[in-house]
Amino acid sequence: MDFSEALRAMKDGHHVARDSWKEPGKYIYRVPPKESTLPDGTTVEQSATYLFYRPAKGARGLVEPYAPLPDALETDDWYIVGKET
């Protein structure tokens, strides 16, 4: 699937990954928008966030923000984790 299909899958709650990733177990997922409280007590809307899970980093893995690079936007090797074909 291409990136737009992967994005729709994440919006539906799925985790996605790419066939070309050499490290097994990596995936990207979406955290939906939510309310957040600023240090001054103001409540604001926090936008959706896309996170990248990397199992081989640290004792329990690492989660970091994900922003796609141009090659990720133009490939069609995305798949839903757990639905590999």
PDB file of N, CA and C in Angstrom:
ATOM      1  N   MET A   1       0.834  -1.175   0.000  1.00  0.00           N
ATOM      2  CA  MET A   1       0.000   0.000   0.000  1.00  0.00           C
ATOM      3  C   MET A   1       0.876   1.234   0.000  1.00  0.00           C
ATOM      4  N   ASP A   2       0.342   2.347  -0.468  1.00  0.00           N
ATOM      5  CA  ASP A   2       1.116   3.587  -0.485  1.00  0.00           C
ATOM      6  C   ASP A   2       0.914   4.344   0.831  1.00  0.00           C
ATOM      7  N   PHE A   3       1.594   5.489   0.988  1.00  0.00           N
ATOM      8  CA  PHE A   3       1.543   6.208   2.255  1.00  0.00           C
ATOM      9  C   PHE A   3       0.146   6.727   2.585  1.00  0.00           C
ATOM     10  N   SER A   4      -0.610   7.156   1.578  1.00  0.00           N
ATOM     11  CA  SER A   4      -1.959   7.656   1.870  1.00  0.00           C
ATOM     12  C   SER A   4      -2.842   6.536   2.433  1.00  0.00           C
ATOM     13  N   GLU A   5      -2.673   5.322   1.923  1.00  0.00           N
ATOM     14  CA  GLU A   5      -3.414   4.183   2.460  1.00  0.00           C
ATOM     15  C   GLU A   5      -2.930   3.839   3.872  1.00  0.00           C
ATOM     16  N   ALA A   6      -1.625   3.950   4.097  1.00  0.00           N
ATOM     17  CA  ALA A   6      -1.066   3.701   5.429  1.00  0.00           C
ATOM     18  C   ALA A   6      -1.602   4.730   6.422  1.00  0.00           C
ATOM     19  N   LEU A   7      -1.706   5.972   5.995  1.00  0.00           N
ATOM     20  CA  LEU A   7      -2.233   7.026   6.849  1.00  0.00           C
ATOM     21  C   LEU A   7      -3.694   6.743   7.221  1.00  0.00           C
ATOM     22  N   ARG A   8      -4.494   6.323   6.238  1.00  0.00           N
ATOM     23  CA  ARG A   8      -5.890   5.965   6.528  1.00  0.00           C
ATOM     24  C   ARG A   8      -5.959   4.801   7.516  1.00  0.00           C
ATOM     25  N   ALA A   9      -5.067   3.823   7.339  1.00  0.00           N
ATOM     26  CA  ALA A   9      -5.048   2.669   8.249  1.00  0.00           C
ATOM     27  C   ALA A   9      -4.716   3.110   9.677  1.00  0.00           C
ATOM     28  N   MET A  10      -3.759   4.037   9.826  1.00  0.00           N
ATOM     29  CA  MET A  10      -3.427   4.535  11.163  1.00  0.00           C
ATOM     30  C   MET A  10      -4.598   5.301  11.760  1.00  0.00           C
ATOM     31  N   LYS A  11      -5.305   6.070  10.941  1.00  0.00           N
ATOM     32  CA  LYS A  11      -6.483   6.791  11.441  1.00  0.00           C
ATOM     33  C   LYS A  11      -7.559   5.820  11.905  1.00  0.00           C
ATOM     34  N   ASP A  12      -7.575   4.608  11.344  1.00  0.00           N
ATOM     35  CA  ASP A  12      -8.518   3.568  11.754  1.00  0.00           C
ATOM     36  C   ASP A  12      -8.000   2.749  12.938  1.00  0.00           C
ATOM     37  N   GLY A  13      -6.820   3.111  13.467  1.00  0.00           N
ATOM     38  CA  GLY A  13      -6.301   2.451  14.659  1.00  0.00           C
ATOM     39  C   GLY A  13      -5.258   1.367  14.430  1.00  0.00           C
ATOM     40  N   HIS A  14      -4.845   1.167  13.179  1.00  0.00           N
ATOM     41  CA  HIS A  14      -3.840   0.133  12.885  1.00  0.00           C
ATOM     42  C   HIS A  14      -2.421   0.665  13.051  1.00  0.00           C
ATOM     43  N   HIS A  15      -1.503  -0.245  13.270  1.00  0.00           N
ATOM     44  CA  HIS A  15      -0.077   0.072  13.233  1.00  0.00           C
ATOM     45  C   HIS A  15       0.404  -0.272  11.831  1.00  0.00           C
ATOM     46  N   VAL A  16       1.346   0.501  11.288  1.00  0.00           N
ATOM     47  CA  VAL A  16       1.863   0.232   9.943  1.00  0.00           C
ATOM     48  C   VAL A  16       3.383   0.174   9.956  1.00  0.00           C
ATOM     49  N   ALA A  17       3.924  -0.514   8.964  1.00  0.00           N
ATOM     50  CA  ALA A  17       5.371  -0.643   8.814  1.00  0.00           C
ATOM     51  C   ALA A  17       5.689  -0.719   7.322  1.00  0.00           C
ATOM     52  N   ARG A  18       6.985  -0.758   7.016  1.00  0.00           N
ATOM     53  CA  ARG A  18       7.427  -0.855   5.621  1.00  0.00           C
ATOM     54  C   ARG A  18       8.217  -2.139   5.408  1.00  0.00           C
ATOM     55  N   ASP A  19       8.024  -2.748   4.248  1.00  0.00           N
ATOM     56  CA  ASP A  19       8.782  -3.953   3.887  1.00  0.00           C
ATOM     57  C   ASP A  19      10.277  -3.687   3.844  1.00  0.00           C
ATOM     58  N   SER A  20      10.673  -2.476   3.492  1.00  0.00           N
ATOM     59  CA  SER A  20      12.096  -2.176   3.311  1.00  0.00           C
ATOM     60  C   SER A  20      12.849  -1.963   4.621  1.00  0.00           C
ATOM     61  N   TRP A  21      12.141  -1.856   5.738  1.00  0.00           N
ATOM     62  CA  TRP A  21      12.841  -1.687   7.011  1.00  0.00           C
ATOM     63  C   TRP A  21      13.572  -2.964   7.372  1.00  0.00           C
ATOM     64  N   LYS A  22      14.847  -2.848   7.661  1.00  0.00           N
ATOM     65  CA  LYS A  22      15.669  -4.012   7.955  1.00  0.00           C
ATOM     66  C   LYS A  22      15.508  -4.493   9.398  1.00  0.00           C
ATOM     67  N   GLU A  23      15.243  -3.588  10.312  1.00  0.00           N
ATOM     68  CA  GLU A  23      15.074  -3.947  11.719  1.00  0.00           C
ATOM     69  C   GLU A  23      13.649  -4.476  11.932  1.00  0.00           C
ATOM     70  N   PRO A  24      13.500  -5.735  12.361  1.00  0.00           N
ATOM     71  CA  PRO A  24      12.150  -6.274  12.564  1.00  0.00           C
ATOM     72  C   PRO A  24      11.466  -5.645  13.774  1.00  0.00           C
ATOM     73  N   GLY A  25      10.149  -5.606  13.725  1.00  0.00           N
ATOM     74  CA  GLY A  25       9.365  -5.143  14.860  1.00  0.00           C
ATOM     75  C   GLY A  25       9.080  -3.653  14.915  1.00  0.00           C
ATOM     76  N   LYS A  26       9.660  -2.879  13.994  1.00  0.00           N
ATOM     77  CA  LYS A  26       9.400  -1.438  13.970  1.00  0.00           C
ATOM     78  C   LYS A  26       8.000  -1.182  13.418  1.00  0.00           C
ATOM     79  N   TYR A  27       7.343  -0.147  13.931  1.00  0.00           N
ATOM     80  CA  TYR A  27       6.071   0.256  13.362  1.00  0.00           C
ATOM     81  C   TYR A  27       5.751   1.694  13.757  1.00  0.00           C
ATOM     82  N   ILE A  28       4.765   2.249  13.075  1.00  0.00           N
ATOM     83  CA  ILE A  28       4.290   3.609  13.326  1.00  0.00           C
ATOM     84  C   ILE A  28       2.826   3.510  13.727  1.00  0.00           C
ATOM     85  N   TYR A  29       2.433   4.366  14.649  1.00  0.00           N
ATOM     86  CA  TYR A  29       1.036   4.410  15.047  1.00  0.00           C
ATOM     87  C   TYR A  29       0.620   5.845  15.357  1.00  0.00           C
ATOM     88  N   ARG A  30      -0.683   6.061  15.418  1.00  0.00           N
ATOM     89  CA  ARG A  30      -1.254   7.394  15.614  1.00  0.00           C
ATOM     90  C   ARG A  30      -1.843   7.507  17.013  1.00  0.00           C
ATOM     91  N   VAL A  31      -1.534   8.610  17.687  1.00  0.00           N
ATOM     92  CA  VAL A  31      -2.168   8.953  18.955  1.00  0.00           C
ATOM     93  C   VAL A  31      -3.190  10.040  18.626  1.00  0.00           C
ATOM     94  N   PRO A  32      -4.478   9.777  18.857  1.00  0.00           N
ATOM     95  CA  PRO A  32      -5.516  10.747  18.474  1.00  0.00           C
ATOM     96  C   PRO A  32      -5.403  12.069  19.229  1.00  0.00           C
ATOM     97  N   PRO A  33      -6.063  13.113  18.720  1.00  0.00           N
ATOM     98  CA  PRO A  33      -6.063  14.398  19.424  1.00  0.00           C
ATOM     99  C   PRO A  33      -6.638  14.238  20.830  1.00  0.00           C
ATOM    100  N   LYS A  34      -6.173  15.081  21.734  1.00  0.00           N
ATOM    101  CA  LYS A  34      -6.686  15.049  23.105  1.00  0.00           C
ATOM    102  C   LYS A  34      -6.478  16.419  23.739  1.00  0.00           C
ATOM    103  N   GLU A  35      -7.076  16.607  24.886  1.00  0.00           N
ATOM    104  CA  GLU A  35      -6.854  17.848  25.621  1.00  0.00           C
ATOM    105  C   GLU A  35      -5.529  17.755  26.364  1.00  0.00           C
ATOM    106  N   SER A  36      -4.864  18.872  26.482  1.00  0.00           N
ATOM    107  CA  SER A  36      -3.601  18.957  27.196  1.00  0.00           C
ATOM    108  C   SER A  36      -3.643  20.221  28.057  1.00  0.00           C
ATOM    109  N   THR A  37      -2.958  20.183  29.191  1.00  0.00           N
ATOM    110  CA  THR A  37      -2.943  21.336  30.084  1.00  0.00           C
ATOM    111  C   THR A  37      -1.563  21.980  30.062  1.00  0.00           C
ATOM    112  N   LEU A  38      -1.540  23.264  29.790  1.00  0.00           N
ATOM    113  CA  LEU A  38      -0.297  24.032  29.786  1.00  0.00           C
ATOM    114  C   LEU A  38       0.166  24.288  31.226  1.00  0.00           C
ATOM    115  N   PRO A  39       1.438  24.642  31.416  1.00  0.00           N
ATOM    116  CA  PRO A  39       1.934  24.916  32.767  1.00  0.00           C
ATOM    117  C   PRO A  39       1.130  25.985  33.525  1.00  0.00           C
ATOM    118  N   ASP A  40       0.512  26.929  32.794  1.00  0.00           N
ATOM    119  CA  ASP A  40      -0.278  27.975  33.474  1.00  0.00           C
ATOM    120  C   ASP A  40      -1.707  27.517  33.786  1.00  0.00           C
ATOM    121  N   GLY A  41      -2.019  26.264  33.481  1.00  0.00           N
ATOM    122  CA  GLY A  41      -3.334  25.717  33.777  1.00  0.00           C
ATOM    123  C   GLY A  41      -4.332  25.808  32.648  1.00  0.00           C
ATOM    124  N   THR A  42      -3.982  26.466  31.554  1.00  0.00           N
ATOM    125  CA  THR A  42      -4.868  26.588  30.395  1.00  0.00           C
ATOM    126  C   THR A  42      -5.015  25.231  29.714  1.00  0.00           C
ATOM    127  N   THR A  43      -6.246  24.869  29.386  1.00  0.00           N
ATOM    128  CA  THR A  43      -6.502  23.622  28.664  1.00  0.00           C
ATOM    129  C   THR A  43      -6.568  23.927  27.175  1.00  0.00           C
ATOM    130  N   VAL A  44      -5.835  23.158  26.389  1.00  0.00           N
ATOM    131  CA  VAL A  44      -5.804  23.347  24.938  1.00  0.00           C
ATOM    132  C   VAL A  44      -5.981  21.999  24.248  1.00  0.00           C
ATOM    133  N   GLU A  45      -6.317  22.066  22.969  1.00  0.00           N
ATOM    134  CA  GLU A  45      -6.417  20.856  22.152  1.00  0.00           C
ATOM    135  C   GLU A  45      -5.022  20.485  21.661  1.00  0.00           C
ATOM    136  N   GLN A  46      -4.642  19.252  21.868  1.00  0.00           N
ATOM    137  CA  GLN A  46      -3.364  18.752  21.355  1.00  0.00           C
ATOM    138  C   GLN A  46      -3.652  17.982  20.076  1.00  0.00           C
ATOM    139  N   SER A  47      -2.918  18.280  19.018  1.00  0.00           N
ATOM    140  CA  SER A  47      -3.167  17.625  17.731  1.00  0.00           C
ATOM    141  C   SER A  47      -2.762  16.152  17.782  1.00  0.00           C
ATOM    142  N   ALA A  48      -3.246  15.403  16.792  1.00  0.00           N
ATOM    143  CA  ALA A  48      -2.852  14.003  16.664  1.00  0.00           C
ATOM    144  C   ALA A  48      -1.340  13.930  16.485  1.00  0.00           C
ATOM    145  N   THR A  49      -0.765  12.857  16.962  1.00  0.00           N
ATOM    146  CA  THR A  49       0.679  12.652  16.874  1.00  0.00           C
ATOM    147  C   THR A  49       0.936  11.281  16.267  1.00  0.00           C
ATOM    148  N   TYR A  50       1.978  11.185  15.460  1.00  0.00           N
ATOM    149  CA  TYR A  50       2.386   9.905  14.898  1.00  0.00           C
ATOM    150  C   TYR A  50       3.699   9.509  15.560  1.00  0.00           C
ATOM    151  N   LEU A  51       3.730   8.292  16.102  1.00  0.00           N
ATOM    152  CA  LEU A  51       4.898   7.827  16.846  1.00  0.00           C
ATOM    153  C   LEU A  51       5.489   6.596  16.195  1.00  0.00           C
ATOM    154  N   PHE A  52       6.800   6.463  16.346  1.00  0.00           N
ATOM    155  CA  PHE A  52       7.593   5.403  15.743  1.00  0.00           C
ATOM    156  C   PHE A  52       8.141   4.538  16.864  1.00  0.00           C
ATOM    157  N   TYR A  53       7.766   3.260  16.873  1.00  0.00           N
ATOM    158  CA  TYR A  53       8.268   2.320  17.879  1.00  0.00           C
ATOM    159  C   TYR A  53       9.466   1.559  17.306  1.00  0.00           C
ATOM    160  N   ARG A  54      10.573   1.579  18.045  1.00  0.00           N
ATOM    161  CA  ARG A  54      11.796   0.883  17.635  1.00  0.00           C
ATOM    162  C   ARG A  54      12.180  -0.087  18.749  1.00  0.00           C
ATOM    163  N   PRO A  55      11.934  -1.390  18.568  1.00  0.00           N
ATOM    164  CA  PRO A  55      12.152  -2.361  19.635  1.00  0.00           C
ATOM    165  C   PRO A  55      13.607  -2.577  20.024  1.00  0.00           C
ATOM    166  N   ALA A  56      14.542  -2.320  19.145  1.00  0.00           N
ATOM    167  CA  ALA A  56      15.946  -2.627  19.421  1.00  0.00           C
ATOM    168  C   ALA A  56      16.670  -1.508  20.159  1.00  0.00           C
ATOM    169  N   LYS A  57      15.990  -0.432  20.487  1.00  0.00           N
ATOM    170  CA  LYS A  57      16.619   0.693  21.173  1.00  0.00           C
ATOM    171  C   LYS A  57      16.295   0.614  22.663  1.00  0.00           C
ATOM    172  N   GLY A  58      17.306   0.493  23.497  1.00  0.00           N
ATOM    173  CA  GLY A  58      17.091   0.444  24.942  1.00  0.00           C
ATOM    174  C   GLY A  58      16.571  -0.902  25.389  1.00  0.00           C
ATOM    175  N   ALA A  59      16.367  -1.031  26.681  1.00  0.00           N
ATOM    176  CA  ALA A  59      15.930  -2.301  27.260  1.00  0.00           C
ATOM    177  C   ALA A  59      14.516  -2.690  26.823  1.00  0.00           C
ATOM    178  N   ARG A  60      13.630  -1.711  26.676  1.00  0.00           N
ATOM    179  CA  ARG A  60      12.235  -2.000  26.327  1.00  0.00           C
ATOM    180  C   ARG A  60      11.833  -1.390  25.001  1.00  0.00           C
ATOM    181  N   GLY A  61      12.779  -0.906  24.247  1.00  0.00           N
ATOM    182  CA  GLY A  61      12.467  -0.239  22.997  1.00  0.00           C
ATOM    183  C   GLY A  61      12.377   1.258  23.196  1.00  0.00           C
ATOM    184  N   LEU A  62      12.083   1.959  22.130  1.00  0.00           N
ATOM    185  CA  LEU A  62      12.030   3.410  22.154  1.00  0.00           C
ATOM    186  C   LEU A  62      10.873   3.886  21.295  1.00  0.00           C
ATOM    187  N   VAL A  63      10.141   4.871  21.788  1.00  0.00           N
ATOM    188  CA  VAL A  63       9.088   5.524  21.004  1.00  0.00           C
ATOM    189  C   VAL A  63       9.539   6.949  20.774  1.00  0.00           C
ATOM    190  N   GLU A  64       9.483   7.388  19.516  1.00  0.00           N
ATOM    191  CA  GLU A  64       9.891   8.744  19.174  1.00  0.00           C
ATOM    192  C   GLU A  64       8.924   9.323  18.153  1.00  0.00           C
ATOM    193  N   PRO A  65       8.857  10.650  18.046  1.00  0.00           N
ATOM    194  CA  PRO A  65       7.965  11.258  17.054  1.00  0.00           C
ATOM    195  C   PRO A  65       8.335  10.793  15.641  1.00  0.00           C
ATOM    196  N   TYR A  66       7.323  10.675  14.789  1.00  0.00           N
ATOM    197  CA  TYR A  66       7.557  10.262  13.409  1.00  0.00           C
ATOM    198  C   TYR A  66       7.116  11.362  12.452  1.00  0.00           C
ATOM    199  N   ALA A  67       7.993  11.707  11.547  1.00  0.00           N
ATOM    200  CA  ALA A  67       7.682  12.598  10.435  1.00  0.00           C
ATOM    201  C   ALA A  67       8.255  11.923   9.186  1.00  0.00           C
ATOM    202  N   PRO A  68       7.427  11.603   8.205  1.00  0.00           N
ATOM    203  CA  PRO A  68       7.915  10.867   7.042  1.00  0.00           C
ATOM    204  C   PRO A  68       8.889  11.673   6.190  1.00  0.00           C
ATOM    205  N   LEU A  69       9.897  10.988   5.705  1.00  0.00           N
ATOM    206  CA  LEU A  69      10.828  11.563   4.738  1.00  0.00           C
ATOM    207  C   LEU A  69      10.220  11.394   3.342  1.00  0.00           C
ATOM    208  N   PRO A  70      10.700  12.140   2.355  1.00  0.00           N
ATOM    209  CA  PRO A  70      10.121  12.044   1.009  1.00  0.00           C
ATOM    210  C   PRO A  70      10.063  10.623   0.454  1.00  0.00           C
ATOM    211  N   ASP A  71      11.080   9.795   0.711  1.00  0.00           N
ATOM    212  CA  ASP A  71      11.044   8.429   0.168  1.00  0.00           C
ATOM    213  C   ASP A  71       9.884   7.634   0.757  1.00  0.00           C
ATOM    214  N   ALA A  72       9.539   7.872   2.018  1.00  0.00           N
ATOM    215  CA  ALA A  72       8.422   7.167   2.645  1.00  0.00           C
ATOM    216  C   ALA A  72       7.092   7.584   2.033  1.00  0.00           C
ATOM    217  N   LEU A  73       6.998   8.828   1.604  1.00  0.00           N
ATOM    218  CA  LEU A  73       5.763   9.328   0.996  1.00  0.00           C
ATOM    219  C   LEU A  73       5.538   8.770  -0.399  1.00  0.00           C
ATOM    220  N   GLU A  74       6.610   8.366  -1.063  1.00  0.00           N
ATOM    221  CA  GLU A  74       6.519   7.957  -2.464  1.00  0.00           C
ATOM    222  C   GLU A  74       6.596   6.456  -2.695  1.00  0.00           C
ATOM    223  N   THR A  75       6.732   5.668  -1.640  1.00  0.00           N
ATOM    224  CA  THR A  75       6.838   4.221  -1.827  1.00  0.00           C
ATOM    225  C   THR A  75       5.482   3.549  -1.670  1.00  0.00           C
ATOM    226  N   ASP A  76       5.426   2.303  -2.084  1.00  0.00           N
ATOM    227  CA  ASP A  76       4.198   1.531  -1.920  1.00  0.00           C
ATOM    228  C   ASP A  76       4.474   0.217  -1.189  1.00  0.00           C
ATOM    229  N   ASP A  77       5.476   0.253  -0.273  1.00  0.00           N
ATOM    230  CA  ASP A  77       5.816  -0.963   0.473  1.00  0.00           C
ATOM    231  C   ASP A  77       5.288  -0.946   1.915  1.00  0.00           C
ATOM    232  N   TRP A  78       4.289  -0.119   2.176  1.00  0.00           N
ATOM    233  CA  TRP A  78       3.673  -0.053   3.496  1.00  0.00           C
ATOM    234  C   TRP A  78       2.723  -1.248   3.677  1.00  0.00           C
ATOM    235  N   TYR A  79       2.573  -1.683   4.917  1.00  0.00           N
ATOM    236  CA  TYR A  79       1.605  -2.738   5.226  1.00  0.00           C
ATOM    237  C   TYR A  79       1.089  -2.554   6.647  1.00  0.00           C
ATOM    238  N   ILE A  80      -0.079  -3.097   6.918  1.00  0.00           N
ATOM    239  CA  ILE A  80      -0.649  -3.069   8.255  1.00  0.00           C
ATOM    240  C   ILE A  80       0.013  -4.169   9.071  1.00  0.00           C
ATOM    241  N   VAL A  81       0.540  -3.832  10.224  1.00  0.00           N
ATOM    242  CA  VAL A  81       1.201  -4.813  11.083  1.00  0.00           C
ATOM    243  C   VAL A  81       0.176  -5.861  11.491  1.00  0.00           C
ATOM    244  N   GLY A  82       0.553  -7.122  11.327  1.00  0.00           N
ATOM    245  CA  GLY A  82      -0.367  -8.225  11.623  1.00  0.00           C
ATOM    246  C   GLY A  82      -1.143  -8.680  10.403  1.00  0.00           C
ATOM    247  N   LYS A  83      -1.005  -7.948   9.282  1.00  0.00           N
ATOM    248  CA  LYS A  83      -1.703  -8.320   8.043  1.00  0.00           C
ATOM    249  C   LYS A  83      -0.708  -8.423   6.890  1.00  0.00           C
ATOM    250  N   GLU A  84       0.516  -8.854   7.197  1.00  0.00           N
ATOM    251  CA  GLU A  84       1.523  -8.982   6.141  1.00  0.00           C
ATOM    252  C   GLU A  84       1.044 -10.018   5.118  1.00  0.00           C
ATOM    253  N   THR A  85       1.342  -9.739   3.859  1.00  0.00           N
ATOM    254  CA  THR A  85       0.939 -10.661   2.800  1.00  0.00           C
ATOM    255  C   THR A  85       2.146 -11.195   2.076  1.00  0.00           C
TER     256      THR A  85
END
